[in-house]
Amino acid sequence: MKHALLVVLFASCLDGTGNRLVSFSAQASAARDIGAVAGQPLHFVTPRGFDVTLTSAKLFVGALYFSARAPVTASGATEEPCVFPALATGEVRGGREIDLLDPTPQPFPAAGQGSDLPTRSAALWLTNGDVNAANDPTVVLHVEGTATKAGTSYPFTGSVTLGSNRLTPPRNAALPSSNPVCELRVVDNIAFETTLAEGSIVSLEIDPRAFFASVNFATLEDLGTMPPSYRFRDDAATADQADNALFNGLRANASPYRFTTTP
């Protein structure tokens, strides 16, 4: 219901501003400066000293939203709703799975709609349906690879879904809806200074290395196989350090995600 309300308010907001309505396209890819080559593994060393060979990394982005609201810093953040329709400057509401090891632009299937009102921030919706639904089986992130440190290797897989498996108790017991499921699925406050124009291209570059920056692979779930294999847990109730670090890296609004525009 909130999603439908957003669409209506978005349209009415833009029609009444006096600013020009524009149509644009959007695309996503692996960040161009990380050395990714389509079809090839990505090698990197994490800040924790793990040598990682990432053989697969795919992210599902359900929608993009842009806002005239400046990014809110952690120190100034307040408990706010997941969407800000009165400040919307643009939206792309057709989702797609993005190969994070491919620097080739991968277009979103739907055209974006917006206004030439200045944009200051962006948000990703990591869902393939209603952002407020109690459960969403969509695998928003799937990764495979091997991490090595001090002579020990951790061949790993991981799939992240964002539903009741990730919910935590409300921050305020008197406000049972103060920790809504939509907050799990919205990565907002991504800095993006631009002015959308007719026919412009919005590019989202994603650095998958940032997802693993704080991961201690030694805490992964050991599947007890021979040869050894490990897995990221997809449940807040059983999560260990590695699982929480990957989850937090996915939802970080600084290191992994960068937006640019071209005319």
C-alpha atoms as a PDB file:
ATOM      1  CA  MET A   1       0.000   0.000   0.000  1.00  0.00           C
ATOM      2  CA  LYS A   2       2.816   2.383   0.862  1.00  0.00           C
ATOM      3  CA  HIS A   3       4.435   1.687  -2.516  1.00  0.00           C
ATOM      4  CA  ALA A   4       1.257   2.669  -4.401  1.00  0.00           C
ATOM      5  CA  LEU A   5       0.970   5.797  -2.270  1.00  0.00           C
ATOM      6  CA  LEU A   6       4.540   6.710  -3.119  1.00  0.00           C
ATOM      7  CA  VAL A   7       3.839   6.527  -6.850  1.00  0.00           C
ATOM      8  CA  VAL A   8       0.779   8.790  -6.570  1.00  0.00           C
ATOM      9  CA  LEU A   9       2.500  11.341  -4.374  1.00  0.00           C
ATOM     10  CA  PHE A  10       5.624  11.267  -6.525  1.00  0.00           C
ATOM     11  CA  ALA A  11       3.654  12.156  -9.636  1.00  0.00           C
ATOM     12  CA  SER A  12       1.633  14.893  -7.935  1.00  0.00           C
ATOM     13  CA  CYS A  13       4.762  16.350  -6.353  1.00  0.00           C
ATOM     14  CA  LEU A  14       6.554  16.654  -9.676  1.00  0.00           C
ATOM     15  CA  ASP A  15       3.536  17.994 -11.541  1.00  0.00           C
ATOM     16  CA  GLY A  16       3.150  20.825  -9.044  1.00  0.00           C
ATOM     17  CA  THR A  17       6.757  21.996  -8.733  1.00  0.00           C
ATOM     18  CA  GLY A  18       7.067  23.868 -11.998  1.00  0.00           C
ATOM     19  CA  ASN A  19      10.172  21.838 -12.784  1.00  0.00           C
ATOM     20  CA  ARG A  20      10.426  19.930 -16.039  1.00  0.00           C
ATOM     21  CA  LEU A  21       9.470  16.254 -16.035  1.00  0.00           C
ATOM     22  CA  VAL A  22      12.113  14.022 -17.608  1.00  0.00           C
ATOM     23  CA  SER A  23      12.580  10.432 -18.706  1.00  0.00           C
ATOM     24  CA  PHE A  24      15.965   8.757 -18.331  1.00  0.00           C
ATOM     25  CA  SER A  25      17.569   5.305 -18.393  1.00  0.00           C
ATOM     26  CA  ALA A  26      19.499   3.483 -15.686  1.00  0.00           C
ATOM     27  CA  GLN A  27      22.188   0.830 -15.683  1.00  0.00           C
ATOM     28  CA  ALA A  28      24.386  -0.967 -13.171  1.00  0.00           C
ATOM     29  CA  SER A  29      27.721  -2.772 -13.204  1.00  0.00           C
ATOM     30  CA  ALA A  30      30.750  -3.754 -11.183  1.00  0.00           C
ATOM     31  CA  ALA A  31      32.730  -0.669 -10.239  1.00  0.00           C
ATOM     32  CA  ARG A  32      35.071   0.115 -13.121  1.00  0.00           C
ATOM     33  CA  ASP A  33      38.113   0.772 -10.927  1.00  0.00           C
ATOM     34  CA  ILE A  34      38.320  -2.632  -9.182  1.00  0.00           C
ATOM     35  CA  GLY A  35      39.786  -4.578 -12.087  1.00  0.00           C
ATOM     36  CA  ALA A  36      36.826  -6.883 -12.663  1.00  0.00           C
ATOM     37  CA  VAL A  37      36.716  -8.721 -15.996  1.00  0.00           C
ATOM     38  CA  ALA A  38      33.476 -10.311 -17.192  1.00  0.00           C
ATOM     39  CA  GLY A  39      33.556 -14.069 -16.726  1.00  0.00           C
ATOM     40  CA  GLN A  40      36.693 -13.990 -14.576  1.00  0.00           C
ATOM     41  CA  PRO A  41      37.153 -14.298 -10.778  1.00  0.00           C
ATOM     42  CA  LEU A  42      37.937 -11.163  -8.786  1.00  0.00           C
ATOM     43  CA  HIS A  43      40.971 -11.303  -6.482  1.00  0.00           C
ATOM     44  CA  PHE A  44      41.458  -8.955  -3.513  1.00  0.00           C
ATOM     45  CA  VAL A  45      42.762  -8.817   0.044  1.00  0.00           C
ATOM     46  CA  THR A  46      40.399  -7.637   2.780  1.00  0.00           C
ATOM     47  CA  PRO A  47      41.335  -5.235   5.612  1.00  0.00           C
ATOM     48  CA  ARG A  48      41.281  -8.289   7.917  1.00  0.00           C
ATOM     49  CA  GLY A  49      44.017  -9.938   5.853  1.00  0.00           C
ATOM     50  CA  PHE A  50      41.989 -12.565   3.975  1.00  0.00           C
ATOM     51  CA  ASP A  51      43.046 -13.257   0.391  1.00  0.00           C
ATOM     52  CA  VAL A  52      39.728 -13.665  -1.450  1.00  0.00           C
ATOM     53  CA  THR A  53      38.968 -15.115  -4.853  1.00  0.00           C
ATOM     54  CA  LEU A  54      35.378 -14.207  -5.643  1.00  0.00           C
ATOM     55  CA  THR A  55      33.984 -16.448  -8.392  1.00  0.00           C
ATOM     56  CA  SER A  56      30.352 -15.319  -8.314  1.00  0.00           C
ATOM     57  CA  ALA A  57      28.580 -12.248  -6.934  1.00  0.00           C
ATOM     58  CA  LYS A  58      25.064 -11.260  -7.939  1.00  0.00           C
ATOM     59  CA  LEU A  59      22.839  -8.564  -6.457  1.00  0.00           C
ATOM     60  CA  PHE A  60      19.126  -8.067  -7.083  1.00  0.00           C
ATOM     61  CA  VAL A  61      18.031  -4.413  -7.048  1.00  0.00           C
ATOM     62  CA  GLY A  62      14.269  -3.986  -7.233  1.00  0.00           C
ATOM     63  CA  ALA A  63      14.094  -0.214  -7.647  1.00  0.00           C
ATOM     64  CA  LEU A  64      16.066   3.032  -7.470  1.00  0.00           C
ATOM     65  CA  TYR A  65      14.781   6.236  -5.890  1.00  0.00           C
ATOM     66  CA  PHE A  66      16.304   9.697  -5.925  1.00  0.00           C
ATOM     67  CA  SER A  67      15.636  12.566  -3.571  1.00  0.00           C
ATOM     68  CA  ALA A  68      16.251  16.279  -3.065  1.00  0.00           C
ATOM     69  CA  ARG A  69      16.991  15.424   0.564  1.00  0.00           C
ATOM     70  CA  ALA A  70      20.662  15.604   1.509  1.00  0.00           C
ATOM     71  CA  PRO A  71      22.168  12.407   2.944  1.00  0.00           C
ATOM     72  CA  VAL A  72      21.651  12.150   6.697  1.00  0.00           C
ATOM     73  CA  THR A  73      24.822  11.387   8.636  1.00  0.00           C
ATOM     74  CA  ALA A  74      24.818   8.758  11.375  1.00  0.00           C
ATOM     75  CA  SER A  75      25.104  11.409  14.061  1.00  0.00           C
ATOM     76  CA  GLY A  76      22.103  13.251  12.704  1.00  0.00           C
ATOM     77  CA  ALA A  77      19.969  10.269  11.749  1.00  0.00           C
ATOM     78  CA  THR A  78      16.524   9.976  13.271  1.00  0.00           C
ATOM     79  CA  GLU A  79      13.837   7.317  13.145  1.00  0.00           C
ATOM     80  CA  GLU A  80      12.111   8.069   9.845  1.00  0.00           C
ATOM     81  CA  PRO A  81       9.834   6.264   7.376  1.00  0.00           C
ATOM     82  CA  CYS A  82      11.398   4.191   4.606  1.00  0.00           C
ATOM     83  CA  VAL A  83      10.248   6.520   1.812  1.00  0.00           C
ATOM     84  CA  PHE A  84      10.148  10.281   1.342  1.00  0.00           C
ATOM     85  CA  PRO A  85       7.631  10.955  -1.483  1.00  0.00           C
ATOM     86  CA  ALA A  86       7.444  14.724  -0.899  1.00  0.00           C
ATOM     87  CA  LEU A  87      11.164  15.015  -1.722  1.00  0.00           C
ATOM     88  CA  ALA A  88      11.339  12.560  -4.644  1.00  0.00           C
ATOM     89  CA  THR A  89      13.189  13.675  -7.766  1.00  0.00           C
ATOM     90  CA  GLY A  90      13.200  10.404  -9.700  1.00  0.00           C
ATOM     91  CA  GLU A  91      12.523   6.691  -9.696  1.00  0.00           C
ATOM     92  CA  VAL A  92      13.351   3.524 -11.625  1.00  0.00           C
ATOM     93  CA  ARG A  93      10.807   0.854 -10.745  1.00  0.00           C
ATOM     94  CA  GLY A  94      11.939  -2.086 -12.837  1.00  0.00           C
ATOM     95  CA  GLY A  95      14.368  -4.390 -11.046  1.00  0.00           C
ATOM     96  CA  ARG A  96      17.106  -6.691 -12.248  1.00  0.00           C
ATOM     97  CA  GLU A  97      19.867  -9.021 -11.059  1.00  0.00           C
ATOM     98  CA  ILE A  98      23.308  -7.456 -11.455  1.00  0.00           C
ATOM     99  CA  ASP A  99      26.505  -9.413 -12.066  1.00  0.00           C
ATOM    100  CA  LEU A 100      28.957  -7.725  -9.693  1.00  0.00           C
ATOM    101  CA  LEU A 101      31.962  -9.222 -11.493  1.00  0.00           C
ATOM    102  CA  ASP A 102      31.025  -7.665 -14.823  1.00  0.00           C
ATOM    103  CA  PRO A 103      32.017  -4.021 -15.502  1.00  0.00           C
ATOM    104  CA  THR A 104      29.808  -3.987 -18.609  1.00  0.00           C
ATOM    105  CA  PRO A 105      26.752  -1.730 -18.113  1.00  0.00           C
ATOM    106  CA  GLN A 106      23.661  -3.834 -17.406  1.00  0.00           C
ATOM    107  CA  PRO A 107      20.496  -1.812 -18.144  1.00  0.00           C
ATOM    108  CA  PHE A 108      17.442  -1.771 -15.909  1.00  0.00           C
ATOM    109  CA  PRO A 109      14.384  -2.928 -17.878  1.00  0.00           C
ATOM    110  CA  ALA A 110      12.194   0.109 -17.153  1.00  0.00           C
ATOM    111  CA  ALA A 111      12.783   3.737 -18.002  1.00  0.00           C
ATOM    112  CA  GLY A 112      13.224   6.145 -15.122  1.00  0.00           C
ATOM    113  CA  GLN A 113      10.864   9.036 -14.516  1.00  0.00           C
ATOM    114  CA  GLY A 114      11.752  12.182 -12.662  1.00  0.00           C
ATOM    115  CA  SER A 115      12.205  15.923 -12.521  1.00  0.00           C
ATOM    116  CA  ASP A 116      15.089  18.303 -13.184  1.00  0.00           C
ATOM    117  CA  LEU A 117      14.830  19.414  -9.567  1.00  0.00           C
ATOM    118  CA  PRO A 118      18.354  18.968  -8.085  1.00  0.00           C
ATOM    119  CA  THR A 119      19.020  15.496  -6.673  1.00  0.00           C
ATOM    120  CA  ARG A 120      21.193  15.067  -3.572  1.00  0.00           C
ATOM    121  CA  SER A 121      20.752  11.446  -2.488  1.00  0.00           C
ATOM    122  CA  ALA A 122      19.721   8.016  -3.736  1.00  0.00           C
ATOM    123  CA  ALA A 123      18.240   4.800  -2.365  1.00  0.00           C
ATOM    124  CA  LEU A 124      18.237   1.156  -3.458  1.00  0.00           C
ATOM    125  CA  TRP A 125      15.277  -1.117  -2.786  1.00  0.00           C
ATOM    126  CA  LEU A 126      16.531  -4.673  -2.307  1.00  0.00           C
ATOM    127  CA  THR A 127      13.245  -6.439  -2.910  1.00  0.00           C
ATOM    128  CA  ASN A 128      11.255  -8.001  -5.732  1.00  0.00           C
ATOM    129  CA  GLY A 129       7.801  -6.990  -4.547  1.00  0.00           C
ATOM    130  CA  ASP A 130       6.115  -5.093  -1.743  1.00  0.00           C
ATOM    131  CA  VAL A 131       8.809  -3.485   0.387  1.00  0.00           C
ATOM    132  CA  ASN A 132       6.528  -3.940   3.429  1.00  0.00           C
ATOM    133  CA  ALA A 133       5.705  -7.633   2.895  1.00  0.00           C
ATOM    134  CA  ALA A 134       6.501  -9.795   5.921  1.00  0.00           C
ATOM    135  CA  ASN A 135       8.529 -12.167   3.773  1.00  0.00           C
ATOM    136  CA  ASP A 136      10.257 -11.963   0.412  1.00  0.00           C
ATOM    137  CA  PRO A 137      11.976 -15.128  -0.891  1.00  0.00           C
ATOM    138  CA  THR A 138      14.104 -13.117  -3.327  1.00  0.00           C
ATOM    139  CA  VAL A 139      17.812 -13.839  -2.982  1.00  0.00           C
ATOM    140  CA  VAL A 140      19.108 -10.274  -3.040  1.00  0.00           C
ATOM    141  CA  LEU A 141      22.769 -11.282  -2.790  1.00  0.00           C
ATOM    142  CA  HIS A 142      24.471 -14.532  -3.796  1.00  0.00           C
ATOM    143  CA  VAL A 143      28.228 -15.011  -3.478  1.00  0.00           C
ATOM    144  CA  GLU A 144      30.709 -17.830  -4.039  1.00  0.00           C
ATOM    145  CA  GLY A 145      34.453 -17.964  -3.684  1.00  0.00           C
ATOM    146  CA  THR A 146      37.416 -18.908  -1.520  1.00  0.00           C
ATOM    147  CA  ALA A 147      39.107 -16.950   1.266  1.00  0.00           C
ATOM    148  CA  THR A 148      42.578 -17.854   2.522  1.00  0.00           C
ATOM    149  CA  LYS A 149      44.565 -16.712   5.550  1.00  0.00           C
ATOM    150  CA  ALA A 150      47.583 -18.194   7.356  1.00  0.00           C
ATOM    151  CA  GLY A 151      47.496 -21.321   5.206  1.00  0.00           C
ATOM    152  CA  THR A 152      43.808 -22.084   5.848  1.00  0.00           C
ATOM    153  CA  SER A 153      41.278 -21.902   3.031  1.00  0.00           C
ATOM    154  CA  TYR A 154      37.559 -21.276   3.378  1.00  0.00           C
ATOM    155  CA  PRO A 155      35.640 -22.180   0.183  1.00  0.00           C
ATOM    156  CA  PHE A 156      32.334 -20.379   0.749  1.00  0.00           C
ATOM    157  CA  THR A 157      28.857 -19.765  -0.559  1.00  0.00           C
ATOM    158  CA  GLY A 158      26.228 -17.380   0.695  1.00  0.00           C
ATOM    159  CA  SER A 159      22.690 -16.289  -0.138  1.00  0.00           C
ATOM    160  CA  VAL A 160      21.006 -13.345   1.574  1.00  0.00           C
ATOM    161  CA  THR A 161      17.243 -12.870   1.793  1.00  0.00           C
ATOM    162  CA  LEU A 162      15.568 -10.018   3.629  1.00  0.00           C
ATOM    163  CA  GLY A 163      12.457 -11.029   5.530  1.00  0.00           C
ATOM    164  CA  SER A 164      11.397 -12.260   8.950  1.00  0.00           C
ATOM    165  CA  ASN A 165      14.696 -14.181   9.121  1.00  0.00           C
ATOM    166  CA  ARG A 166      16.428 -10.816   9.585  1.00  0.00           C
ATOM    167  CA  LEU A 167      13.991  -9.003  11.860  1.00  0.00           C
ATOM    168  CA  THR A 168      15.127  -7.821  15.278  1.00  0.00           C
ATOM    169  CA  PRO A 169      12.897  -6.679  18.170  1.00  0.00           C
ATOM    170  CA  PRO A 170      11.536  -3.106  17.949  1.00  0.00           C
ATOM    171  CA  ARG A 171      13.912  -0.456  19.246  1.00  0.00           C
ATOM    172  CA  ASN A 172      11.091   0.804  21.470  1.00  0.00           C
ATOM    173  CA  ALA A 173       8.706  -1.733  23.028  1.00  0.00           C
ATOM    174  CA  ALA A 174       6.030   0.959  23.192  1.00  0.00           C
ATOM    175  CA  LEU A 175       6.295   1.331  19.399  1.00  0.00           C
ATOM    176  CA  PRO A 176       5.985  -2.199  17.968  1.00  0.00           C
ATOM    177  CA  SER A 177       6.308  -0.901  14.398  1.00  0.00           C
ATOM    178  CA  SER A 178       9.468   1.094  15.126  1.00  0.00           C
ATOM    179  CA  ASN A 179      11.680  -1.532  13.475  1.00  0.00           C
ATOM    180  CA  PRO A 180       9.759  -2.235  10.231  1.00  0.00           C
ATOM    181  CA  VAL A 181      10.793  -4.898   7.731  1.00  0.00           C
ATOM    182  CA  CYS A 182      11.102  -2.260   4.987  1.00  0.00           C
ATOM    183  CA  GLU A 183      14.171  -0.853   6.740  1.00  0.00           C
ATOM    184  CA  LEU A 184      15.973  -4.113   5.971  1.00  0.00           C
ATOM    185  CA  ARG A 185      15.340  -3.657   2.261  1.00  0.00           C
ATOM    186  CA  VAL A 186      16.092   0.024   1.749  1.00  0.00           C
ATOM    187  CA  VAL A 187      19.665   1.272   1.458  1.00  0.00           C
ATOM    188  CA  ASP A 188      19.263   5.028   1.548  1.00  0.00           C
ATOM    189  CA  ASN A 189      21.364   8.127   2.245  1.00  0.00           C
ATOM    190  CA  ILE A 190      23.666   7.335  -0.695  1.00  0.00           C
ATOM    191  CA  ALA A 191      25.279  10.606  -1.757  1.00  0.00           C
ATOM    192  CA  PHE A 192      24.326  11.529  -5.334  1.00  0.00           C
ATOM    193  CA  GLU A 193      24.635  15.120  -6.515  1.00  0.00           C
ATOM    194  CA  THR A 194      23.078  15.537  -9.946  1.00  0.00           C
ATOM    195  CA  THR A 195      20.262  17.044 -11.955  1.00  0.00           C
ATOM    196  CA  LEU A 196      18.324  14.506 -13.975  1.00  0.00           C
ATOM    197  CA  ALA A 197      17.825  15.464 -17.622  1.00  0.00           C
ATOM    198  CA  GLU A 198      15.767  14.155 -20.504  1.00  0.00           C
ATOM    199  CA  GLY A 199      17.595  11.195 -22.057  1.00  0.00           C
ATOM    200  CA  SER A 200      20.352  11.093 -19.459  1.00  0.00           C
ATOM    201  CA  ILE A 201      21.831   7.826 -18.155  1.00  0.00           C
ATOM    202  CA  VAL A 202      22.112   7.070 -14.441  1.00  0.00           C
ATOM    203  CA  SER A 203      24.866   4.559 -13.696  1.00  0.00           C
ATOM    204  CA  LEU A 204      25.147   2.587 -10.480  1.00  0.00           C
ATOM    205  CA  GLU A 205      28.599   1.119  -9.866  1.00  0.00           C
ATOM    206  CA  ILE A 206      28.930  -1.517  -7.137  1.00  0.00           C
ATOM    207  CA  ASP A 207      32.130  -2.647  -5.444  1.00  0.00           C
ATOM    208  CA  PRO A 208      31.541  -6.186  -4.096  1.00  0.00           C
ATOM    209  CA  ARG A 209      34.818  -6.088  -2.163  1.00  0.00           C
ATOM    210  CA  ALA A 210      33.187  -3.699   0.300  1.00  0.00           C
ATOM    211  CA  PHE A 211      30.666  -6.372   1.329  1.00  0.00           C
ATOM    212  CA  PHE A 212      33.526  -8.476   2.741  1.00  0.00           C
ATOM    213  CA  ALA A 213      35.645  -5.737   4.335  1.00  0.00           C
ATOM    214  CA  SER A 214      34.857  -6.742   7.936  1.00  0.00           C
ATOM    215  CA  VAL A 215      34.178 -10.456   7.424  1.00  0.00           C
ATOM    216  CA  ASN A 216      36.112 -12.940   9.559  1.00  0.00           C
ATOM    217  CA  PHE A 217      35.795 -16.002   7.328  1.00  0.00           C
ATOM    218  CA  ALA A 218      36.994 -18.244  10.179  1.00  0.00           C
ATOM    219  CA  THR A 219      33.552 -17.823  11.801  1.00  0.00           C
ATOM    220  CA  LEU A 220      31.630 -19.181   8.793  1.00  0.00           C
ATOM    221  CA  GLU A 221      29.405 -22.216   9.234  1.00  0.00           C
ATOM    222  CA  ASP A 222      31.455 -25.347   8.551  1.00  0.00           C
ATOM    223  CA  LEU A 223      29.320 -27.714   6.479  1.00  0.00           C
ATOM    224  CA  GLY A 224      31.393 -30.729   7.543  1.00  0.00           C
ATOM    225  CA  THR A 225      32.181 -31.852   4.010  1.00  0.00           C
ATOM    226  CA  MET A 226      35.336 -33.211   2.432  1.00  0.00           C
ATOM    227  CA  PRO A 227      36.899 -31.241   0.952  1.00  0.00           C
ATOM    228  CA  PRO A 228      35.858 -28.532   3.463  1.00  0.00           C
ATOM    229  CA  SER A 229      33.167 -26.037   2.517  1.00  0.00           C
ATOM    230  CA  TYR A 230      31.627 -23.142   4.403  1.00  0.00           C
ATOM    231  CA  ARG A 231      28.461 -21.078   4.248  1.00  0.00           C
ATOM    232  CA  PHE A 232      27.157 -17.673   5.302  1.00  0.00           C
ATOM    233  CA  ARG A 233      24.085 -18.184   7.498  1.00  0.00           C
ATOM    234  CA  ASP A 234      20.914 -16.401   6.375  1.00  0.00           C
ATOM    235  CA  ASP A 235      19.216 -16.069   9.764  1.00  0.00           C
ATOM    236  CA  ALA A 236      19.712 -13.374  12.415  1.00  0.00           C
ATOM    237  CA  ALA A 237      18.983 -15.901  15.177  1.00  0.00           C
ATOM    238  CA  THR A 238      22.003 -18.082  14.317  1.00  0.00           C
ATOM    239  CA  ALA A 239      24.277 -15.499  12.694  1.00  0.00           C
ATOM    240  CA  ASP A 240      27.931 -15.308  13.666  1.00  0.00           C
ATOM    241  CA  GLN A 241      30.439 -12.520  12.992  1.00  0.00           C
ATOM    242  CA  ALA A 242      30.920 -13.338   9.305  1.00  0.00           C
ATOM    243  CA  ASP A 243      27.166 -13.460   8.619  1.00  0.00           C
ATOM    244  CA  ASN A 244      26.473 -10.135  10.323  1.00  0.00           C
ATOM    245  CA  ALA A 245      29.451  -8.476   8.661  1.00  0.00           C
ATOM    246  CA  LEU A 246      28.290  -9.503   5.165  1.00  0.00           C
ATOM    247  CA  PHE A 247      24.735  -8.350   5.952  1.00  0.00           C
ATOM    248  CA  ASN A 248      25.970  -4.988   7.251  1.00  0.00           C
ATOM    249  CA  GLY A 249      28.293  -4.575   4.276  1.00  0.00           C
ATOM    250  CA  LEU A 250      25.407  -5.156   1.869  1.00  0.00           C
ATOM    251  CA  ARG A 251      23.384  -2.411   3.561  1.00  0.00           C
ATOM    252  CA  ALA A 252      26.195   0.137   3.935  1.00  0.00           C
ATOM    253  CA  ASN A 253      25.461   3.343   2.057  1.00  0.00           C
ATOM    254  CA  ALA A 254      29.016   4.545   1.411  1.00  0.00           C
ATOM    255  CA  SER A 255      31.677   2.083   0.213  1.00  0.00           C
ATOM    256  CA  PRO A 256      29.739  -0.365  -2.022  1.00  0.00           C
ATOM    257  CA  TYR A 257      27.584   2.001  -4.076  1.00  0.00           C
ATOM    258  CA  ARG A 258      28.368   4.957  -6.357  1.00  0.00           C
ATOM    259  CA  PHE A 259      25.996   6.808  -8.694  1.00  0.00           C
ATOM    260  CA  THR A 260      26.974   8.932 -11.684  1.00  0.00           C
ATOM    261  CA  THR A 261      25.090  10.496 -14.593  1.00  0.00           C
ATOM    262  CA  THR A 262      25.939  11.137 -18.215  1.00  0.00           C
ATOM    263  CA  PRO A 263      24.002  13.360 -20.645  1.00  0.00           C
END
